[in-house]
Amino acid sequence: MPMKPLHRKHIVLLLMMLPVLASGQQYDTIIINNDVQLIHLKDSFFVHVTWDDYNGCRFGSNGLLVIRNGNALMIDTPMDETKTAAILNYLRDSMHTNVTLFIPGHWHNDCIGGLAELHCRNVFSIANEMTRAECIKRNLETPKASFSKSLTWSFCGIPVECWYPGAGHSLDNIVVYFPKQKILFGGCLTKSAESSTIGNIADADVHAWPKTLKKVQKKYRDAEIIIPGHGSVGSLKLIDHTICIINHYLNSKK
């Protein structure tokens, strides 16, 4: 079912951004403000990209929105409540949509930094049981419910599968797959094509990471679009690219 048209006073400029796939494919991008963008992938799927500063460097973080019949599923929040509120307000005012369900990829701030804002708006949240346990342990805003190894259901008629493949970037990281659209949210378990270093491994199991990725690669071999936690959207090739980065790091430590 198509989304309702934008109200005239809320229309924003739609720009054709630089290619976000290695193939050179381009996507329409909605600029909410200087730090928040929505990239339209296909159907009612949008990547939300938010920008933050760290040690003088500006970096982007990715999440996903699936919109259907005035409801939205959000995967990962921005790093703070302000940017999360900007997304929620835009969806409400310009797309006549409210986020009703939230799933974090893992417990880090770039996944749950805006969870308190979601809870203030009565959004139901569900996470891997390891993620929920870690939030409780660290006295963080905690998802309301949890699942164990996997969770398969339909969001407003769209099939969804959450799956815990094993440790990697963090001990609790999951992936979320949409089989009909062949879209895989890999989160920080996967690196973008422009990434060349392993990044934050403070909570990682680097030795298990390549094995975990191979499980994902085998299970979702038909995936056409992969969304990493940071950087450009890509194809299934991002998994091999990530494995190469990790193996290079491991070899450098020998």
Protein backbone atom coordinates (compact mmCIF):
# COMPACT_ATOMS: atom_id res chain seq x y z
CA MET A 1 0.00 0.00 0.00
CA PRO A 2 1.61 3.33 -1.03
CA MET A 3 2.45 5.94 1.58
CA LYS A 4 0.31 9.06 1.84
CA PRO A 5 1.70 12.08 -0.04
CA LEU A 6 3.74 14.60 1.92
CA HIS A 7 1.92 17.67 3.21
CA ARG A 8 2.93 20.76 1.23
CA LYS A 9 4.43 22.63 4.18
CA HIS A 10 6.60 19.63 5.11
CA ILE A 11 8.00 18.88 1.66
CA VAL A 12 11.81 18.76 1.71
CA LEU A 13 14.26 18.75 -1.13
CA LEU A 14 14.87 15.28 -2.57
CA LEU A 15 18.43 15.04 -3.82
CA MET A 16 20.24 12.44 -5.85
CA MET A 17 23.22 11.69 -3.67
CA LEU A 18 26.52 10.09 -4.57
CA PRO A 19 26.25 6.39 -5.39
CA VAL A 20 25.79 4.27 -2.29
CA LEU A 21 26.27 0.95 -4.04
CA ALA A 22 29.45 -0.30 -5.65
CA SER A 23 27.41 -0.79 -8.82
CA GLY A 24 26.86 2.97 -9.00
CA GLN A 25 23.13 2.78 -8.20
CA GLN A 26 21.71 5.97 -6.75
CA TYR A 27 18.91 6.56 -4.27
CA ASP A 28 16.66 9.48 -3.41
CA THR A 29 17.70 11.07 -0.13
CA ILE A 30 15.55 13.15 2.21
CA ILE A 31 17.50 15.78 4.15
CA ILE A 32 15.85 16.25 7.54
CA ASN A 33 18.65 18.44 8.89
CA ASN A 34 22.45 18.67 8.69
CA ASP A 35 22.84 15.58 10.86
CA VAL A 36 19.92 13.41 9.78
CA GLN A 37 19.05 11.90 6.39
CA LEU A 38 16.71 9.22 5.08
CA ILE A 39 17.86 7.22 2.03
CA HIS A 40 15.06 5.51 0.13
CA LEU A 41 16.18 1.99 -0.84
CA LYS A 42 13.06 0.38 -2.33
CA ASP A 43 9.38 -0.04 -1.57
CA SER A 44 8.89 1.47 1.91
CA PHE A 45 12.45 0.82 3.12
CA PHE A 46 14.61 3.74 4.22
CA VAL A 47 18.12 3.81 5.68
CA HIS A 48 18.35 6.48 8.36
CA VAL A 49 21.83 8.03 8.38
CA THR A 50 22.89 10.26 11.24
CA TRP A 51 26.14 12.15 11.69
CA ASP A 52 28.22 12.66 14.82
CA ASP A 53 31.62 14.08 15.72
CA TYR A 54 34.31 12.08 17.49
CA ASN A 55 37.82 13.39 18.17
CA GLY A 56 37.40 16.01 15.48
CA CYS A 57 36.14 13.53 12.87
CA ARG A 58 32.62 13.41 11.46
CA PHE A 59 31.15 9.95 10.91
CA GLY A 60 27.81 8.52 9.89
CA SER A 61 25.80 5.71 11.47
CA ASN A 62 23.11 3.67 9.74
CA GLY A 63 19.77 2.29 10.82
CA LEU A 64 16.70 1.08 8.96
CA LEU A 65 13.05 2.10 8.76
CA VAL A 66 10.30 -0.05 7.27
CA ILE A 67 7.07 1.89 6.75
CA ARG A 68 3.67 0.32 6.16
CA ASN A 69 0.11 1.56 6.72
CA GLY A 70 1.09 4.41 9.03
CA ASN A 71 3.35 2.20 11.14
CA ALA A 72 7.14 1.95 11.09
CA LEU A 73 9.65 -0.62 12.26
CA MET A 74 12.96 0.96 13.30
CA ILE A 75 16.22 -0.98 13.48
CA ASP A 76 18.87 0.86 15.51
CA THR A 77 18.54 4.43 16.72
CA PRO A 78 20.92 7.34 16.25
CA MET A 79 23.49 7.87 19.01
CA ASP A 80 21.35 10.34 20.92
CA GLU A 81 17.76 11.21 21.68
CA THR A 82 17.81 14.53 19.79
CA LYS A 83 18.51 12.92 16.42
CA THR A 84 16.10 10.12 17.21
CA ALA A 85 13.38 12.69 17.93
CA ALA A 86 14.14 14.44 14.62
CA ILE A 87 13.44 11.20 12.74
CA LEU A 88 10.30 10.43 14.72
CA ASN A 89 8.96 13.94 14.26
CA TYR A 90 9.60 13.89 10.53
CA LEU A 91 7.87 10.55 10.11
CA ARG A 92 4.88 11.82 12.09
CA ASP A 93 4.57 15.23 10.46
CA SER A 94 5.66 14.51 6.87
CA MET A 95 4.87 10.84 6.31
CA HIS A 96 1.92 10.51 8.71
CA THR A 97 3.71 7.54 10.25
CA ASN A 98 4.61 6.52 13.78
CA VAL A 99 7.33 4.09 14.82
CA THR A 100 5.57 1.27 16.65
CA LEU A 101 8.33 -1.35 16.92
CA PHE A 102 12.07 -1.13 17.55
CA ILE A 103 14.88 -3.71 17.29
CA PRO A 104 18.53 -2.95 18.15
CA GLY A 105 21.41 -4.70 16.40
CA HIS A 106 23.47 -4.80 19.62
CA TRP A 107 23.91 -2.87 22.86
CA HIS A 108 26.31 -0.11 21.74
CA ASN A 109 25.28 3.56 21.73
CA ASP A 110 24.98 3.70 17.93
CA CYS A 111 22.14 1.18 18.24
CA ILE A 112 20.27 2.20 21.41
CA GLY A 113 21.33 5.82 22.05
CA GLY A 114 17.80 7.03 21.37
CA LEU A 115 15.92 4.18 23.03
CA ALA A 116 14.68 6.36 25.90
CA GLU A 117 13.06 8.70 23.38
CA LEU A 118 11.30 5.75 21.76
CA HIS A 119 10.05 4.50 25.10
CA CYS A 120 8.74 7.98 25.95
CA ARG A 121 6.59 7.67 22.81
CA ASN A 122 5.34 4.21 23.77
CA VAL A 123 7.31 2.35 21.09
CA PHE A 124 7.56 -1.37 21.82
CA SER A 125 11.15 -2.66 21.80
CA ILE A 126 12.49 -6.18 21.47
CA ALA A 127 16.09 -7.39 21.36
CA ASN A 128 18.32 -10.41 21.47
CA GLU A 129 18.27 -11.68 25.07
CA MET A 130 22.04 -11.09 25.27
CA THR A 131 21.53 -7.44 24.29
CA ARG A 132 18.84 -6.97 26.91
CA ALA A 133 21.02 -8.61 29.57
CA GLU A 134 23.94 -6.34 28.67
CA CYS A 135 21.74 -3.25 28.95
CA ILE A 136 20.55 -4.32 32.39
CA LYS A 137 24.12 -5.07 33.49
CA ARG A 138 25.33 -1.64 32.36
CA ASN A 139 22.30 0.27 33.66
CA LEU A 140 21.36 1.38 30.15
CA GLU A 141 17.89 2.00 28.76
CA THR A 142 16.65 -1.55 28.28
CA PRO A 143 14.48 -3.11 25.56
CA LYS A 144 11.11 -4.26 26.89
CA ALA A 145 11.21 -7.81 25.55
CA SER A 146 13.71 -10.31 24.19
CA PHE A 147 14.14 -13.38 21.99
CA SER A 148 16.73 -16.14 22.02
CA LYS A 149 18.38 -17.39 18.82
CA SER A 150 15.93 -16.10 16.24
CA LEU A 151 12.60 -14.40 15.76
CA THR A 152 10.48 -14.67 12.62
CA TRP A 153 7.22 -12.81 12.13
CA SER A 154 5.40 -10.41 9.82
CA PHE A 155 5.44 -6.65 10.27
CA CYS A 156 2.27 -5.31 8.68
CA GLY A 157 2.48 -8.08 6.08
CA ILE A 158 6.26 -7.82 5.53
CA PRO A 159 8.15 -11.01 6.52
CA VAL A 160 11.05 -10.33 8.92
CA GLU A 161 13.69 -12.56 10.45
CA CYS A 162 16.00 -11.57 13.32
CA TRP A 163 18.88 -13.98 13.79
CA TYR A 164 21.82 -14.29 16.15
CA PRO A 165 24.65 -15.87 14.11
CA GLY A 166 27.32 -15.66 16.80
CA ALA A 167 29.83 -13.20 18.20
CA GLY A 168 31.62 -10.66 16.05
CA HIS A 169 31.79 -6.88 16.45
CA SER A 170 30.09 -7.54 19.79
CA LEU A 171 29.09 -10.71 21.59
CA ASP A 172 25.38 -10.02 21.06
CA ASN A 173 25.18 -8.68 17.47
CA ILE A 174 22.25 -9.84 15.34
CA VAL A 175 21.27 -9.45 11.70
CA VAL A 176 17.78 -8.71 10.39
CA TYR A 177 16.60 -10.06 7.03
CA PHE A 178 13.64 -9.19 4.81
CA PRO A 179 13.35 -12.15 2.41
CA LYS A 180 10.77 -10.62 0.07
CA GLN A 181 12.88 -7.50 -0.53
CA LYS A 182 16.21 -9.40 -0.17
CA ILE A 183 17.47 -6.72 2.20
CA LEU A 184 19.86 -7.69 5.00
CA PHE A 185 20.62 -5.33 7.86
CA GLY A 186 24.11 -6.45 8.86
CA GLY A 187 24.81 -3.57 11.22
CA CYS A 188 28.29 -3.32 12.69
CA LEU A 189 28.89 -7.01 12.02
CA THR A 190 29.55 -5.90 8.43
CA LYS A 191 31.93 -3.22 7.14
CA SER A 192 31.23 -0.91 4.21
CA ALA A 193 33.20 -1.11 0.97
CA GLU A 194 35.10 2.09 1.83
CA SER A 195 36.15 0.73 5.23
CA SER A 196 39.72 -0.51 5.42
CA THR A 197 40.27 -0.95 9.17
CA ILE A 198 38.60 -3.13 11.75
CA GLY A 199 37.32 -0.21 13.83
CA ASN A 200 36.10 -0.49 17.41
CA ILE A 201 36.84 -3.96 18.79
CA ALA A 202 36.63 -3.17 22.51
CA ASP A 203 33.75 -5.61 22.90
CA ALA A 204 34.49 -7.87 19.92
CA ASP A 205 35.38 -11.51 19.54
CA VAL A 206 37.74 -11.03 16.61
CA HIS A 207 38.58 -14.72 16.25
CA ALA A 208 34.90 -15.75 16.06
CA TRP A 209 33.93 -12.89 13.75
CA PRO A 210 34.92 -14.47 10.37
CA LYS A 211 33.13 -17.72 11.25
CA THR A 212 30.03 -15.77 12.21
CA LEU A 213 30.09 -13.91 8.90
CA LYS A 214 30.39 -17.15 6.95
CA LYS A 215 27.22 -18.38 8.68
CA VAL A 216 25.42 -15.21 7.58
CA GLN A 217 26.78 -15.56 4.05
CA LYS A 218 25.53 -19.15 3.81
CA LYS A 219 22.10 -18.50 5.33
CA TYR A 220 21.31 -15.36 3.33
CA ARG A 221 23.06 -16.10 0.05
CA ASP A 222 20.17 -14.57 -1.90
CA ALA A 223 20.51 -11.15 -0.20
CA GLU A 224 20.92 -8.35 -2.73
CA ILE A 225 21.28 -5.30 -0.47
CA ILE A 226 23.36 -5.26 2.73
CA ILE A 227 23.26 -2.35 5.15
CA PRO A 228 26.40 -2.00 7.31
CA GLY A 229 26.43 -0.14 10.61
CA HIS A 230 28.47 2.68 9.10
CA GLY A 231 29.20 3.75 5.54
CA SER A 232 27.67 2.94 2.19
CA VAL A 233 25.08 0.29 1.48
CA GLY A 234 26.43 -2.58 -0.62
CA SER A 235 25.95 -6.11 -1.91
CA LEU A 236 26.74 -9.51 -0.45
CA LYS A 237 30.37 -8.77 -1.33
CA LEU A 238 30.55 -6.72 1.87
CA ILE A 239 30.78 -9.95 3.83
CA ASP A 240 33.92 -11.13 2.01
CA HIS A 241 35.31 -7.61 2.34
CA THR A 242 34.72 -7.64 6.09
CA ILE A 243 36.33 -11.07 6.45
CA CYS A 244 39.41 -9.78 4.59
CA ILE A 245 39.68 -6.81 6.95
CA ILE A 246 39.45 -9.04 10.03
CA ASN A 247 41.93 -11.60 8.70
CA HIS A 248 44.37 -8.82 7.85
CA TYR A 249 44.08 -7.56 11.41
CA LEU A 250 44.60 -11.03 12.85
CA ASN A 251 47.62 -11.66 10.64
CA SER A 252 49.15 -8.35 11.71
CA LYS A 253 49.02 -9.52 15.33
CA LYS A 254 50.94 -12.74 14.73
